[in-house]
Amino acid sequence: MSLLKEFRDFAVRGNVVDLAVAVIIGGAFGKIVTSLVNDIIMPPIGLLVGGVDFSDLAIVLKEASVGSDGEAIAAVTMGYGAFIQVVIDFTIIAFAIFMIVKLINNLKRKEEKASTPPPPTVNKTEVLLEEIRDLLKSGNNPS
């Protein structure tokens, strides 16, 4: 089998196409969630904590300075605010995905329940006749 034919078979396989679609939709969904967090959720949280913008929070490890040659040396900071922002983004994305999966699972359960035929009803007369048959086979007559 040639390398090109093998690659074509791999690339058009259903799972690869599904994965590609999922990655593209996931990227777009990530942008929506980032906007939701940055533009809608974080401003009220920042207001609650005194107008603090989380993305600007940082610990300065070394102050900015000017080198001996007159060139500015940037400050060395540890931006924990950006980390908080990413954790909040992740939490919201994880919760949104959880809710979507939960909705899909509920729909699947309803679909399975609707497609599963109800168990056959047993007629009481048939049950009695089966019991009589079994008694006659075993030779234990109730009389």
N, C-alpha and C. Protein backbone atom coordinates (compact mmCIF):
# COMPACT_ATOMS: atom_id res chain seq x y z
N MET A 1 0.85 -1.17 0.00
CA MET A 1 0.00 0.00 0.00
C MET A 1 0.90 1.24 0.00
N SER A 2 0.59 2.15 -0.87
CA SER A 2 1.44 3.34 -0.98
C SER A 2 1.21 4.27 0.22
N LEU A 3 2.19 5.08 0.48
CA LEU A 3 2.12 6.02 1.60
C LEU A 3 0.97 7.00 1.42
N LEU A 4 0.76 7.49 0.21
CA LEU A 4 -0.33 8.44 -0.04
C LEU A 4 -1.70 7.80 0.20
N LYS A 5 -1.87 6.57 -0.26
CA LYS A 5 -3.16 5.90 -0.07
C LYS A 5 -3.41 5.65 1.42
N GLU A 6 -2.36 5.26 2.12
CA GLU A 6 -2.47 5.03 3.56
C GLU A 6 -2.84 6.32 4.29
N PHE A 7 -2.19 7.43 3.91
CA PHE A 7 -2.49 8.72 4.52
C PHE A 7 -3.93 9.15 4.20
N ARG A 8 -4.37 8.96 2.97
CA ARG A 8 -5.74 9.32 2.59
C ARG A 8 -6.75 8.52 3.41
N ASP A 9 -6.51 7.24 3.57
CA ASP A 9 -7.41 6.41 4.37
C ASP A 9 -7.46 6.89 5.82
N PHE A 10 -6.32 7.29 6.34
CA PHE A 10 -6.26 7.80 7.71
C PHE A 10 -6.99 9.13 7.83
N ALA A 11 -6.75 10.03 6.89
CA ALA A 11 -7.29 11.39 6.97
C ALA A 11 -8.80 11.44 6.80
N VAL A 12 -9.36 10.55 6.02
CA VAL A 12 -10.81 10.61 5.79
C VAL A 12 -11.58 9.68 6.71
N ARG A 13 -10.87 9.02 7.61
CA ARG A 13 -11.55 8.17 8.58
C ARG A 13 -12.45 9.05 9.44
N GLY A 14 -13.61 8.56 9.81
CA GLY A 14 -14.60 9.35 10.55
C GLY A 14 -14.07 9.98 11.82
N ASN A 15 -13.28 9.26 12.60
CA ASN A 15 -12.80 9.79 13.87
C ASN A 15 -11.91 11.01 13.69
N VAL A 16 -11.08 11.02 12.65
CA VAL A 16 -10.19 12.14 12.42
C VAL A 16 -10.99 13.38 12.04
N VAL A 17 -11.99 13.21 11.19
CA VAL A 17 -12.84 14.33 10.78
C VAL A 17 -13.60 14.85 11.99
N ASP A 18 -14.16 13.97 12.80
CA ASP A 18 -14.87 14.38 14.00
C ASP A 18 -13.96 15.15 14.95
N LEU A 19 -12.74 14.68 15.10
CA LEU A 19 -11.78 15.36 15.96
C LEU A 19 -11.45 16.76 15.44
N ALA A 20 -11.28 16.88 14.13
CA ALA A 20 -10.98 18.18 13.54
C ALA A 20 -12.13 19.16 13.78
N VAL A 21 -13.35 18.70 13.59
CA VAL A 21 -14.52 19.55 13.84
C VAL A 21 -14.56 19.94 15.31
N ALA A 22 -14.28 19.02 16.19
CA ALA A 22 -14.32 19.31 17.63
C ALA A 22 -13.27 20.35 18.01
N VAL A 23 -12.08 20.25 17.42
CA VAL A 23 -11.02 21.22 17.73
C VAL A 23 -11.43 22.61 17.25
N ILE A 24 -11.99 22.71 16.07
CA ILE A 24 -12.40 24.02 15.53
C ILE A 24 -13.52 24.62 16.38
N ILE A 25 -14.51 23.82 16.70
CA ILE A 25 -15.61 24.31 17.53
C ILE A 25 -15.11 24.64 18.93
N GLY A 26 -14.19 23.85 19.45
CA GLY A 26 -13.62 24.13 20.77
C GLY A 26 -12.87 25.46 20.80
N GLY A 27 -12.14 25.76 19.74
CA GLY A 27 -11.45 27.04 19.65
C GLY A 27 -12.42 28.20 19.65
N ALA A 28 -13.48 28.09 18.88
CA ALA A 28 -14.49 29.15 18.84
C ALA A 28 -15.19 29.27 20.19
N PHE A 29 -15.48 28.14 20.81
CA PHE A 29 -16.13 28.15 22.11
C PHE A 29 -15.22 28.79 23.16
N GLY A 30 -13.92 28.54 23.05
CA GLY A 30 -12.96 29.14 23.97
C GLY A 30 -12.98 30.66 23.88
N LYS A 31 -13.10 31.19 22.67
CA LYS A 31 -13.17 32.64 22.50
C LYS A 31 -14.44 33.20 23.14
N ILE A 32 -15.54 32.49 23.00
CA ILE A 32 -16.80 32.94 23.62
C ILE A 32 -16.65 32.95 25.13
N VAL A 33 -16.09 31.90 25.67
CA VAL A 33 -15.94 31.83 27.13
C VAL A 33 -14.96 32.88 27.63
N THR A 34 -13.88 33.12 26.89
CA THR A 34 -12.93 34.16 27.30
C THR A 34 -13.61 35.52 27.34
N SER A 35 -14.41 35.82 26.35
CA SER A 35 -15.15 37.08 26.34
C SER A 35 -16.14 37.13 27.49
N LEU A 36 -16.82 36.01 27.75
CA LEU A 36 -17.77 35.96 28.87
C LEU A 36 -17.06 36.27 30.19
N VAL A 37 -15.91 35.65 30.38
CA VAL A 37 -15.17 35.86 31.63
C VAL A 37 -14.64 37.29 31.71
N ASN A 38 -13.94 37.74 30.65
CA ASN A 38 -13.28 39.05 30.70
C ASN A 38 -14.27 40.21 30.70
N ASP A 39 -15.35 40.10 29.94
CA ASP A 39 -16.23 41.24 29.73
C ASP A 39 -17.48 41.23 30.60
N ILE A 40 -17.87 40.07 31.11
CA ILE A 40 -19.13 40.01 31.88
C ILE A 40 -18.91 39.58 33.32
N ILE A 41 -18.12 38.55 33.55
CA ILE A 41 -17.99 38.01 34.91
C ILE A 41 -16.95 38.76 35.73
N MET A 42 -15.79 39.04 35.14
CA MET A 42 -14.71 39.65 35.92
C MET A 42 -14.98 41.09 36.36
N PRO A 43 -15.63 41.94 35.57
CA PRO A 43 -15.89 43.30 36.07
C PRO A 43 -16.67 43.35 37.38
N PRO A 44 -17.78 42.59 37.54
CA PRO A 44 -18.46 42.62 38.85
C PRO A 44 -17.60 42.04 39.98
N ILE A 45 -16.81 41.00 39.68
CA ILE A 45 -15.94 40.43 40.71
C ILE A 45 -14.88 41.46 41.10
N GLY A 46 -14.32 42.15 40.11
CA GLY A 46 -13.35 43.20 40.40
C GLY A 46 -13.97 44.32 41.22
N LEU A 47 -15.22 44.66 40.93
CA LEU A 47 -15.93 45.69 41.69
C LEU A 47 -16.14 45.25 43.13
N LEU A 48 -16.47 43.97 43.32
CA LEU A 48 -16.68 43.45 44.68
C LEU A 48 -15.40 43.49 45.52
N VAL A 49 -14.26 43.30 44.87
CA VAL A 49 -13.01 43.30 45.62
C VAL A 49 -12.31 44.65 45.55
N GLY A 50 -13.08 45.70 45.32
CA GLY A 50 -12.55 47.06 45.37
C GLY A 50 -11.98 47.56 44.06
N GLY A 51 -12.54 47.13 42.95
CA GLY A 51 -12.10 47.63 41.66
C GLY A 51 -10.78 47.05 41.18
N VAL A 52 -10.37 45.95 41.73
CA VAL A 52 -9.10 45.34 41.33
C VAL A 52 -9.30 44.58 40.03
N ASP A 53 -8.41 44.83 39.09
CA ASP A 53 -8.39 44.06 37.85
C ASP A 53 -7.42 42.91 38.06
N PHE A 54 -7.91 41.69 38.05
CA PHE A 54 -7.08 40.53 38.36
C PHE A 54 -5.88 40.40 37.43
N SER A 55 -6.07 40.74 36.15
CA SER A 55 -4.98 40.53 35.21
C SER A 55 -3.78 41.43 35.51
N ASP A 56 -3.98 42.51 36.28
CA ASP A 56 -2.87 43.41 36.62
C ASP A 56 -2.18 43.03 37.92
N LEU A 57 -2.71 42.08 38.66
CA LEU A 57 -2.11 41.72 39.94
C LEU A 57 -0.79 40.99 39.72
N ALA A 58 0.23 41.42 40.41
CA ALA A 58 1.54 40.81 40.25
C ALA A 58 2.40 41.10 41.48
N ILE A 59 3.36 40.24 41.71
CA ILE A 59 4.36 40.46 42.76
C ILE A 59 5.64 40.89 42.05
N VAL A 60 6.17 42.01 42.44
CA VAL A 60 7.39 42.51 41.82
C VAL A 60 8.58 41.84 42.50
N LEU A 61 9.32 41.08 41.73
CA LEU A 61 10.50 40.40 42.25
C LEU A 61 11.74 41.31 42.16
N LYS A 62 11.77 42.13 41.12
CA LYS A 62 12.88 43.07 40.96
C LYS A 62 12.32 44.31 40.27
N GLU A 63 12.52 45.45 40.86
CA GLU A 63 12.02 46.70 40.30
C GLU A 63 12.69 47.01 38.97
N ALA A 64 11.98 47.80 38.17
CA ALA A 64 12.55 48.27 36.91
C ALA A 64 13.72 49.20 37.22
N SER A 65 14.69 49.18 36.37
CA SER A 65 15.86 50.03 36.60
C SER A 65 16.46 50.47 35.28
N VAL A 66 17.47 51.28 35.40
CA VAL A 66 18.19 51.74 34.22
C VAL A 66 19.60 51.18 34.30
N GLY A 67 20.02 50.54 33.24
CA GLY A 67 21.34 49.93 33.23
C GLY A 67 22.44 50.97 33.13
N SER A 68 23.68 50.52 33.27
CA SER A 68 24.83 51.42 33.23
C SER A 68 24.98 52.09 31.86
N ASP A 69 24.44 51.44 30.82
CA ASP A 69 24.53 52.03 29.48
C ASP A 69 23.32 52.91 29.16
N GLY A 70 22.45 53.14 30.16
CA GLY A 70 21.28 54.01 29.98
C GLY A 70 20.07 53.29 29.41
N GLU A 71 20.18 52.00 29.24
CA GLU A 71 19.06 51.22 28.71
C GLU A 71 18.15 50.80 29.84
N ALA A 72 16.82 50.91 29.63
CA ALA A 72 15.84 50.55 30.66
C ALA A 72 15.78 49.03 30.81
N ILE A 73 15.80 48.58 32.04
CA ILE A 73 15.67 47.15 32.35
C ILE A 73 14.28 46.97 32.95
N ALA A 74 13.48 46.14 32.32
CA ALA A 74 12.11 45.93 32.77
C ALA A 74 12.08 45.25 34.13
N ALA A 75 11.00 45.51 34.84
CA ALA A 75 10.81 44.87 36.14
C ALA A 75 10.55 43.38 35.95
N VAL A 76 10.95 42.61 36.91
CA VAL A 76 10.69 41.17 36.91
C VAL A 76 9.50 40.96 37.85
N THR A 77 8.41 40.46 37.28
CA THR A 77 7.18 40.29 38.08
C THR A 77 6.65 38.88 37.95
N MET A 78 5.92 38.47 38.96
CA MET A 78 5.22 37.20 38.94
C MET A 78 3.73 37.55 38.86
N GLY A 79 3.13 37.37 37.68
CA GLY A 79 1.76 37.80 37.43
C GLY A 79 0.73 36.78 37.90
N TYR A 80 0.48 36.75 39.21
CA TYR A 80 -0.50 35.80 39.72
C TYR A 80 -1.92 36.17 39.34
N GLY A 81 -2.18 37.43 38.99
CA GLY A 81 -3.52 37.84 38.56
C GLY A 81 -3.92 37.17 37.26
N ALA A 82 -2.96 37.07 36.34
CA ALA A 82 -3.23 36.38 35.08
C ALA A 82 -3.53 34.91 35.34
N PHE A 83 -2.83 34.33 36.32
CA PHE A 83 -3.10 32.93 36.68
C PHE A 83 -4.52 32.78 37.23
N ILE A 84 -4.93 33.70 38.10
CA ILE A 84 -6.30 33.66 38.64
C ILE A 84 -7.30 33.75 37.50
N GLN A 85 -7.03 34.62 36.54
CA GLN A 85 -7.92 34.79 35.38
C GLN A 85 -8.04 33.47 34.60
N VAL A 86 -6.92 32.80 34.37
CA VAL A 86 -6.93 31.54 33.62
C VAL A 86 -7.66 30.46 34.40
N VAL A 87 -7.49 30.41 35.73
CA VAL A 87 -8.20 29.43 36.55
C VAL A 87 -9.71 29.66 36.46
N ILE A 88 -10.13 30.91 36.50
CA ILE A 88 -11.56 31.22 36.38
C ILE A 88 -12.06 30.83 35.00
N ASP A 89 -11.28 31.14 33.96
CA ASP A 89 -11.66 30.72 32.60
C ASP A 89 -11.84 29.21 32.53
N PHE A 90 -10.87 28.47 33.07
CA PHE A 90 -10.93 27.01 33.04
C PHE A 90 -12.17 26.50 33.77
N THR A 91 -12.45 27.07 34.94
CA THR A 91 -13.60 26.63 35.73
C THR A 91 -14.89 26.84 34.96
N ILE A 92 -15.02 27.98 34.33
CA ILE A 92 -16.25 28.26 33.56
C ILE A 92 -16.35 27.34 32.36
N ILE A 93 -15.24 27.12 31.65
CA ILE A 93 -15.26 26.22 30.50
C ILE A 93 -15.61 24.80 30.94
N ALA A 94 -14.99 24.34 32.02
CA ALA A 94 -15.28 22.99 32.52
C ALA A 94 -16.73 22.86 32.92
N PHE A 95 -17.28 23.88 33.58
CA PHE A 95 -18.69 23.82 33.98
C PHE A 95 -19.61 23.82 32.76
N ALA A 96 -19.29 24.66 31.77
CA ALA A 96 -20.12 24.70 30.56
C ALA A 96 -20.09 23.36 29.83
N ILE A 97 -18.92 22.76 29.72
CA ILE A 97 -18.82 21.45 29.06
C ILE A 97 -19.56 20.39 29.86
N PHE A 98 -19.45 20.46 31.20
CA PHE A 98 -20.19 19.53 32.05
C PHE A 98 -21.69 19.64 31.80
N MET A 99 -22.19 20.87 31.71
CA MET A 99 -23.62 21.06 31.49
C MET A 99 -24.05 20.54 30.11
N ILE A 100 -23.19 20.75 29.09
CA ILE A 100 -23.52 20.25 27.76
C ILE A 100 -23.54 18.73 27.74
N VAL A 101 -22.54 18.10 28.35
CA VAL A 101 -22.49 16.63 28.40
C VAL A 101 -23.68 16.09 29.19
N LYS A 102 -24.04 16.76 30.28
CA LYS A 102 -25.19 16.34 31.08
C LYS A 102 -26.47 16.41 30.24
N LEU A 103 -26.63 17.49 29.47
CA LEU A 103 -27.80 17.64 28.61
C LEU A 103 -27.84 16.53 27.56
N ILE A 104 -26.69 16.26 26.93
CA ILE A 104 -26.64 15.21 25.91
C ILE A 104 -26.95 13.85 26.51
N ASN A 105 -26.42 13.56 27.69
CA ASN A 105 -26.71 12.28 28.34
C ASN A 105 -28.19 12.15 28.69
N ASN A 106 -28.80 13.23 29.16
CA ASN A 106 -30.24 13.20 29.45
C ASN A 106 -31.05 12.94 28.19
N LEU A 107 -30.67 13.59 27.09
CA LEU A 107 -31.38 13.36 25.83
C LEU A 107 -31.21 11.92 25.36
N LYS A 108 -30.00 11.36 25.52
CA LYS A 108 -29.77 9.96 25.12
C LYS A 108 -30.61 9.01 25.96
N ARG A 109 -30.68 9.29 27.28
CA ARG A 109 -31.49 8.42 28.15
C ARG A 109 -32.95 8.46 27.75
N LYS A 110 -33.46 9.66 27.45
CA LYS A 110 -34.86 9.79 27.02
C LYS A 110 -35.09 9.06 25.72
N GLU A 111 -34.12 9.17 24.80
CA GLU A 111 -34.23 8.49 23.52
C GLU A 111 -34.22 6.98 23.70
N GLU A 112 -33.31 6.48 24.57
CA GLU A 112 -33.25 5.04 24.82
C GLU A 112 -34.53 4.55 25.48
N LYS A 113 -35.05 5.36 26.40
CA LYS A 113 -36.27 4.98 27.10
C LYS A 113 -37.44 4.92 26.12
N ALA A 114 -37.49 5.87 25.18
CA ALA A 114 -38.57 5.90 24.20
C ALA A 114 -38.45 4.76 23.20
N SER A 115 -37.21 4.37 22.86
CA SER A 115 -37.03 3.33 21.85
C SER A 115 -37.10 1.92 22.44
N THR A 116 -36.97 1.78 23.76
CA THR A 116 -37.04 0.47 24.39
C THR A 116 -38.50 0.07 24.54
N PRO A 117 -38.87 -1.08 23.95
CA PRO A 117 -40.26 -1.49 24.07
C PRO A 117 -40.57 -1.91 25.51
N PRO A 118 -41.79 -1.68 25.95
CA PRO A 118 -42.14 -2.07 27.31
C PRO A 118 -42.08 -3.60 27.44
N PRO A 119 -41.79 -4.08 28.63
CA PRO A 119 -41.73 -5.53 28.80
C PRO A 119 -43.10 -6.14 28.51
N PRO A 120 -43.10 -7.35 27.95
CA PRO A 120 -44.38 -7.97 27.62
C PRO A 120 -45.19 -8.24 28.90
N THR A 121 -46.48 -7.97 28.80
CA THR A 121 -47.34 -8.21 29.96
C THR A 121 -47.68 -9.70 30.01
N VAL A 122 -47.69 -10.22 31.19
CA VAL A 122 -47.97 -11.64 31.38
C VAL A 122 -49.43 -11.77 31.81
N ASN A 123 -50.13 -12.60 31.07
CA ASN A 123 -51.53 -12.85 31.36
C ASN A 123 -51.61 -13.79 32.57
N LYS A 124 -52.48 -13.50 33.54
CA LYS A 124 -52.60 -14.34 34.73
C LYS A 124 -53.05 -15.76 34.36
N THR A 125 -53.85 -15.87 33.35
CA THR A 125 -54.32 -17.19 32.92
C THR A 125 -53.15 -18.02 32.42
N GLU A 126 -52.26 -17.40 31.67
CA GLU A 126 -51.09 -18.10 31.16
C GLU A 126 -50.20 -18.57 32.31
N VAL A 127 -50.03 -17.71 33.33
CA VAL A 127 -49.20 -18.09 34.47
C VAL A 127 -49.81 -19.30 35.18
N LEU A 128 -51.12 -19.29 35.39
CA LEU A 128 -51.78 -20.42 36.05
C LEU A 128 -51.65 -21.69 35.22
N LEU A 129 -51.83 -21.57 33.91
CA LEU A 129 -51.69 -22.74 33.05
C LEU A 129 -50.27 -23.30 33.08
N GLU A 130 -49.25 -22.40 33.14
CA GLU A 130 -47.86 -22.86 33.23
C GLU A 130 -47.62 -23.59 34.55
N GLU A 131 -48.19 -23.08 35.63
CA GLU A 131 -48.04 -23.75 36.93
C GLU A 131 -48.68 -25.12 36.91
N ILE A 132 -49.86 -25.23 36.31
CA ILE A 132 -50.56 -26.52 36.22
C ILE A 132 -49.73 -27.49 35.38
N ARG A 133 -49.19 -26.99 34.28
CA ARG A 133 -48.35 -27.83 33.42
C ARG A 133 -47.13 -28.35 34.18
N ASP A 134 -46.49 -27.46 34.94
CA ASP A 134 -45.31 -27.86 35.69
C ASP A 134 -45.65 -28.88 36.76
N LEU A 135 -46.80 -28.72 37.42
CA LEU A 135 -47.23 -29.68 38.44
C LEU A 135 -47.51 -31.05 37.80
N LEU A 136 -48.15 -31.03 36.63
CA LEU A 136 -48.44 -32.31 35.96
C LEU A 136 -47.15 -32.99 35.50
N LYS A 137 -46.17 -32.21 35.05
CA LYS A 137 -44.89 -32.80 34.63
C LYS A 137 -44.15 -33.42 35.79
N SER A 138 -44.20 -32.77 36.94
CA SER A 138 -43.46 -33.27 38.09
C SER A 138 -44.16 -34.45 38.76
N GLY A 139 -45.40 -34.64 38.42
CA GLY A 139 -46.12 -35.77 39.01
C GLY A 139 -46.71 -35.47 40.37
N ASN A 140 -46.63 -34.29 40.86
CA ASN A 140 -47.22 -33.92 42.14
C ASN A 140 -48.59 -33.31 41.91
N ASN A 141 -49.57 -34.15 41.96
CA ASN A 141 -50.95 -33.66 41.79
C ASN A 141 -51.41 -33.06 43.11
N PRO A 142 -51.98 -31.86 43.08
CA PRO A 142 -52.38 -31.20 44.32
C PRO A 142 -53.59 -31.85 44.98
N SER A 143 -54.25 -32.78 44.35
CA SER A 143 -55.45 -33.37 44.96
C SER A 143 -55.19 -34.45 45.95
